[in-house]
Amino acid sequence: MIRVPVDLREMVIALAGHAGQAIMQVYGRGFEVSHKDDASPVTDADLLANRIIVEGLARITPNLPILSEESAQVSWEERQHWTSYWLVDPIDGTREFVKRNGQFSVNIALIHQGAPYFAVIQEPVTGTVWHATRGELAYRREHNHDTALHTRTPASAPLQVAVSRSYNSDRVDAMLQRMGPVQSIRLGSSLKLCHIAEGRLDVYPRLGPTSEWDTAAGQCILHAAGGNVLSLQTGKPFRYNRRPSLLNGEFIALGDLSLPWRQWLVD
């Protein structure tokens, strides 16, 4: 196990806040949108936040490597030797940023031996921060006050189910039908996992593509609050930097781990 000192936690929270402020400056004015090779959008805000976070983490922890969505050209030959590293998504939910619906976040996770160990998620629009360290509690911070988080157990009836704002499919609809009575809530980015950690939502099925930087911070926070992010293929929590690909498989996020999620699966 590694130790996350209080001063390191606070420096990373401050760094996420600095990135969030920079994002909101771009959000408040016009910006151009370009697209990467996978057709996902990228804006000046993504690149600015990336620079702030990467430079800040390199200054705070110069001996730890950093993998970020906007600078992910590190080869597997190099990555496979990493024991601990930072995994960053400067703006999770760039599509939501472009749509100007406010539902995007800054994700920073410390990965240790393949598992998310420490995480900070910041919501730029509100300034709210969620943070957690593995083996400890998860917290929501507002106005410099931390509130401990616990998932809702047992889950509510009807189930409160998060649905992606930008990704949906007939398979997701079929899965929702198998859950029985549900109330679906459309929400963007890793905020879905934070809301499950808070006990405001119960389930988030994801049958579309994600990358490791999309889920690591939220998985850490949700796990510390009593839930988890489970692979639909293995039924186990995601592991990180364990293969050349940085893409995740399909997953379900649960607040109440006793829910019969395997009965909801659709071929």
Protein backbone atom coordinates (compact mmCIF):
# COMPACT_ATOMS: atom_id res chain seq x y z
CA MET A 1 0.00 0.00 0.00
CA ILE A 2 1.06 3.57 -0.59
CA ARG A 3 0.32 6.58 1.55
CA VAL A 4 -1.47 9.73 0.35
CA PRO A 5 -0.46 12.52 2.73
CA VAL A 6 -2.98 15.24 3.50
CA ASP A 7 -0.81 17.87 1.85
CA LEU A 8 -0.67 15.83 -1.38
CA ARG A 9 -4.45 15.38 -1.34
CA GLU A 10 -4.96 19.11 -0.87
CA MET A 11 -2.49 20.03 -3.60
CA VAL A 12 -4.24 17.76 -6.09
CA ILE A 13 -7.66 19.15 -5.11
CA ALA A 14 -6.30 22.67 -5.59
CA LEU A 15 -4.83 21.66 -8.94
CA ALA A 16 -8.18 20.29 -10.11
CA GLY A 17 -9.80 23.54 -9.00
CA HIS A 18 -7.25 25.59 -10.94
CA ALA A 19 -7.99 23.51 -14.05
CA GLY A 20 -11.73 23.93 -13.48
CA GLN A 21 -11.40 27.70 -13.30
CA ALA A 22 -9.43 27.75 -16.54
CA ILE A 23 -12.07 25.56 -18.19
CA MET A 24 -14.82 27.96 -17.15
CA GLN A 25 -12.94 30.91 -18.64
CA VAL A 26 -13.02 29.16 -22.01
CA TYR A 27 -16.61 28.03 -21.41
CA GLY A 28 -17.67 31.64 -20.96
CA ARG A 29 -16.45 32.73 -24.36
CA GLY A 30 -16.49 31.34 -27.87
CA PHE A 31 -14.28 28.36 -28.61
CA GLU A 32 -13.44 26.17 -31.57
CA VAL A 33 -14.03 22.43 -31.64
CA SER A 34 -11.73 20.03 -33.47
CA HIS A 35 -11.84 16.25 -33.61
CA LYS A 36 -9.31 13.54 -32.88
CA ASP A 37 -8.74 10.45 -34.98
CA ASP A 38 -11.53 8.61 -33.14
CA ALA A 39 -13.94 11.49 -33.95
CA SER A 40 -14.16 12.58 -30.31
CA PRO A 41 -14.17 16.36 -29.85
CA VAL A 42 -11.37 18.41 -28.31
CA THR A 43 -11.37 22.12 -27.44
CA ASP A 44 -8.94 24.76 -26.21
CA ALA A 45 -10.29 24.05 -22.72
CA ASP A 46 -9.20 20.39 -22.87
CA LEU A 47 -5.68 21.37 -23.86
CA LEU A 48 -5.42 24.20 -21.34
CA ALA A 49 -6.67 22.02 -18.47
CA ASN A 50 -4.35 19.24 -19.56
CA ARG A 51 -1.33 21.53 -19.43
CA ILE A 52 -2.26 22.85 -15.99
CA ILE A 53 -2.79 19.37 -14.53
CA VAL A 54 0.19 17.63 -16.13
CA GLU A 55 2.61 20.41 -15.26
CA GLY A 56 1.21 20.59 -11.73
CA LEU A 57 1.42 16.84 -11.09
CA ALA A 58 4.95 16.75 -12.49
CA ARG A 59 5.92 19.48 -10.04
CA ILE A 60 4.16 17.88 -7.05
CA THR A 61 5.29 14.28 -7.68
CA PRO A 62 8.23 14.41 -10.11
CA ASN A 63 8.92 10.68 -9.81
CA LEU A 64 5.44 9.52 -10.89
CA PRO A 65 4.60 9.11 -14.58
CA ILE A 66 1.43 10.70 -15.95
CA LEU A 67 -1.01 9.36 -18.52
CA SER A 68 -3.61 11.82 -19.77
CA GLU A 69 -6.26 11.60 -22.46
CA GLU A 70 -4.73 14.60 -24.21
CA SER A 71 -1.18 13.23 -24.01
CA ALA A 72 -1.69 9.48 -24.24
CA GLN A 73 1.13 8.63 -26.60
CA VAL A 74 3.01 6.55 -24.04
CA SER A 75 3.79 3.11 -25.46
CA TRP A 76 2.74 -0.13 -23.78
CA GLU A 77 6.42 -1.11 -23.72
CA GLU A 78 6.96 1.79 -21.32
CA ARG A 79 3.64 1.71 -19.46
CA GLN A 80 3.81 -1.97 -18.55
CA HIS A 81 6.63 -1.24 -16.11
CA TRP A 82 4.70 1.39 -14.17
CA THR A 83 3.76 0.46 -10.59
CA SER A 84 2.14 3.80 -9.72
CA TYR A 85 1.10 6.63 -12.03
CA TRP A 86 -1.39 9.45 -12.48
CA LEU A 87 -4.32 8.89 -14.84
CA VAL A 88 -5.99 12.10 -15.99
CA ASP A 89 -8.99 13.22 -17.99
CA PRO A 90 -8.75 17.04 -18.14
CA ILE A 91 -12.37 17.30 -19.25
CA ASP A 92 -14.51 14.22 -18.92
CA GLY A 93 -17.59 14.98 -20.99
CA THR A 94 -16.19 17.23 -23.71
CA ARG A 95 -19.38 16.60 -25.68
CA GLU A 96 -21.35 18.05 -22.77
CA PHE A 97 -18.93 21.00 -22.63
CA VAL A 98 -19.54 21.66 -26.33
CA LYS A 99 -23.30 21.42 -25.81
CA ARG A 100 -22.95 23.85 -22.88
CA ASN A 101 -25.13 21.81 -20.54
CA GLY A 102 -22.66 22.03 -17.65
CA GLN A 103 -22.32 18.29 -17.11
CA PHE A 104 -18.57 17.80 -17.42
CA SER A 105 -15.81 17.20 -14.90
CA VAL A 106 -12.08 17.10 -14.22
CA ASN A 107 -10.83 13.60 -13.36
CA ILE A 108 -7.52 12.85 -11.63
CA ALA A 109 -6.70 9.39 -10.30
CA LEU A 110 -3.61 7.84 -8.78
CA ILE A 111 -3.30 4.23 -9.92
CA HIS A 112 -1.27 1.80 -7.82
CA GLN A 113 -0.68 -1.81 -8.88
CA GLY A 114 -3.58 -1.70 -11.32
CA ALA A 115 -6.21 -0.27 -8.96
CA PRO A 116 -7.43 3.31 -8.44
CA TYR A 117 -5.95 4.32 -5.10
CA PHE A 118 -6.69 8.04 -4.77
CA ALA A 119 -8.99 10.24 -6.83
CA VAL A 120 -10.30 13.75 -7.26
CA ILE A 121 -13.24 14.76 -9.44
CA GLN A 122 -14.07 18.45 -9.79
CA GLU A 123 -17.20 19.91 -11.34
CA PRO A 124 -16.10 23.20 -12.92
CA VAL A 125 -19.59 24.74 -13.16
CA THR A 126 -20.30 24.45 -9.41
CA GLY A 127 -16.81 24.04 -7.95
CA THR A 128 -17.94 20.88 -6.12
CA VAL A 129 -15.18 18.33 -5.48
CA TRP A 130 -15.43 14.61 -4.77
CA HIS A 131 -12.36 12.84 -3.41
CA ALA A 132 -11.44 9.48 -1.93
CA THR A 133 -8.51 7.33 -0.92
CA ARG A 134 -8.70 3.55 -1.12
CA GLY A 135 -9.45 2.02 2.27
CA GLU A 136 -10.92 5.28 3.56
CA LEU A 137 -14.19 7.15 3.08
CA ALA A 138 -15.30 9.13 0.04
CA TYR A 139 -16.18 12.79 0.44
CA ARG A 140 -17.98 15.61 -1.33
CA ARG A 141 -16.44 19.02 -0.70
CA GLU A 142 -18.48 22.19 -0.96
CA HIS A 143 -17.42 25.58 0.45
CA ASN A 144 -14.34 23.93 2.01
CA HIS A 145 -16.51 21.49 3.97
CA ASP A 146 -16.23 17.72 3.49
CA THR A 147 -19.28 15.47 3.75
CA ALA A 148 -18.73 11.70 3.92
CA LEU A 149 -20.52 9.74 1.22
CA HIS A 150 -22.38 6.44 1.37
CA THR A 151 -24.22 4.69 -1.42
CA ARG A 152 -27.91 3.94 -1.02
CA THR A 153 -28.34 0.44 0.40
CA PRO A 154 -30.79 -1.03 -0.20
CA ALA A 155 -31.37 0.61 -3.55
CA SER A 156 -34.51 2.66 -4.06
CA ALA A 157 -37.71 1.42 -5.63
CA PRO A 158 -38.09 2.27 -8.41
CA LEU A 159 -34.40 2.16 -9.22
CA GLN A 160 -32.84 5.53 -10.01
CA VAL A 161 -30.78 4.75 -13.11
CA ALA A 162 -28.23 7.05 -14.74
CA VAL A 163 -28.31 7.13 -18.53
CA SER A 164 -25.57 8.72 -20.60
CA ARG A 165 -26.47 12.01 -22.25
CA SER A 166 -24.37 11.34 -25.34
CA TYR A 167 -24.49 7.55 -25.68
CA ASN A 168 -27.53 5.30 -25.75
CA SER A 169 -28.62 2.19 -27.60
CA ASP A 170 -31.42 -0.30 -27.99
CA ARG A 171 -29.41 -2.65 -25.76
CA VAL A 172 -29.43 -0.09 -22.95
CA ASP A 173 -33.19 0.33 -23.36
CA ALA A 174 -33.65 -3.44 -23.22
CA MET A 175 -31.51 -3.61 -20.09
CA LEU A 176 -33.62 -0.93 -18.43
CA GLN A 177 -36.76 -2.93 -19.21
CA ARG A 178 -35.27 -5.98 -17.47
CA MET A 179 -34.63 -3.93 -14.34
CA GLY A 180 -38.35 -3.50 -13.78
CA PRO A 181 -39.72 -0.14 -12.61
CA VAL A 182 -37.00 2.48 -13.05
CA GLN A 183 -36.62 6.21 -13.18
CA SER A 184 -33.93 7.10 -15.71
CA ILE A 185 -31.91 10.28 -15.29
CA ARG A 186 -29.78 11.61 -18.13
CA LEU A 187 -26.43 12.84 -16.90
CA GLY A 188 -23.02 13.48 -18.40
CA SER A 189 -19.45 12.50 -17.52
CA SER A 190 -18.15 10.94 -14.30
CA LEU A 191 -20.80 12.91 -12.40
CA LYS A 192 -22.95 9.79 -12.79
CA LEU A 193 -20.57 7.80 -10.59
CA CYS A 194 -20.35 10.64 -8.07
CA HIS A 195 -24.14 10.77 -7.78
CA ILE A 196 -24.28 7.03 -7.16
CA ALA A 197 -21.61 7.46 -4.48
CA GLU A 198 -23.78 10.15 -2.88
CA GLY A 199 -26.82 7.86 -2.78
CA ARG A 200 -28.74 10.02 -5.24
CA LEU A 201 -28.69 7.34 -7.97
CA ASP A 202 -28.49 3.55 -7.86
CA VAL A 203 -27.22 2.17 -11.16
CA TYR A 204 -25.37 3.22 -14.30
CA PRO A 205 -25.12 0.67 -17.14
CA ARG A 206 -22.55 1.54 -19.80
CA LEU A 207 -22.72 -0.48 -23.01
CA GLY A 208 -20.77 2.00 -25.11
CA PRO A 209 -17.07 2.81 -25.40
CA THR A 210 -15.04 4.38 -22.60
CA SER A 211 -11.34 4.72 -21.88
CA GLU A 212 -9.48 4.07 -18.66
CA TRP A 213 -9.22 7.78 -17.83
CA ASP A 214 -13.02 8.04 -18.02
CA THR A 215 -13.69 5.61 -15.18
CA ALA A 216 -10.69 5.42 -12.81
CA ALA A 217 -11.42 8.44 -10.60
CA GLY A 218 -15.14 7.70 -10.38
CA GLN A 219 -14.47 4.04 -9.62
CA CYS A 220 -12.21 5.01 -6.72
CA ILE A 221 -14.81 7.36 -5.25
CA LEU A 222 -17.70 4.95 -5.75
CA HIS A 223 -15.77 2.06 -4.22
CA ALA A 224 -14.89 4.12 -1.15
CA ALA A 225 -18.58 5.02 -0.76
CA GLY A 226 -19.68 1.37 -0.79
CA GLY A 227 -20.38 0.62 -4.46
CA ASN A 228 -18.21 -0.25 -7.44
CA VAL A 229 -17.72 -0.31 -11.19
CA LEU A 230 -17.95 -3.89 -12.44
CA SER A 231 -16.93 -5.31 -15.79
CA LEU A 232 -19.86 -7.06 -17.49
CA GLN A 233 -17.38 -9.59 -18.85
CA THR A 234 -15.70 -10.61 -15.60
CA GLY A 235 -18.05 -9.30 -12.90
CA LYS A 236 -15.02 -7.76 -11.20
CA PRO A 237 -13.87 -4.15 -10.75
CA PHE A 238 -11.85 -2.69 -13.58
CA ARG A 239 -8.07 -3.02 -13.45
CA TYR A 240 -5.88 -0.41 -15.07
CA ASN A 241 -2.78 -0.45 -17.27
CA ARG A 242 -2.87 -4.22 -17.55
CA ARG A 243 -2.80 -4.49 -21.37
CA PRO A 244 -1.81 -2.48 -24.44
CA SER A 245 -5.31 -1.14 -25.06
CA LEU A 246 -6.59 1.74 -22.93
CA LEU A 247 -10.21 0.98 -23.78
CA ASN A 248 -12.60 -0.41 -21.17
CA GLY A 249 -15.10 -3.14 -21.75
CA GLU A 250 -18.79 -2.71 -20.97
CA PHE A 251 -19.61 -2.15 -17.32
CA ILE A 252 -22.24 -1.45 -14.73
CA ALA A 253 -21.82 0.91 -11.78
CA LEU A 254 -23.75 -0.05 -8.66
CA GLY A 255 -24.40 1.62 -5.35
CA ASP A 256 -25.95 -1.52 -3.85
CA LEU A 257 -23.72 -4.46 -4.80
CA SER A 258 -26.45 -6.96 -3.93
CA LEU A 259 -28.58 -5.89 -6.91
CA PRO A 260 -29.18 -8.80 -9.37
CA TRP A 261 -27.40 -7.11 -12.26
CA ARG A 262 -26.56 -10.33 -14.10
CA GLN A 263 -30.29 -10.91 -14.63
CA TRP A 264 -30.47 -7.62 -16.53
CA LEU A 265 -27.86 -8.48 -19.14
CA VAL A 266 -28.90 -8.46 -22.77
CA ASP A 267 -27.23 -10.66 -25.37
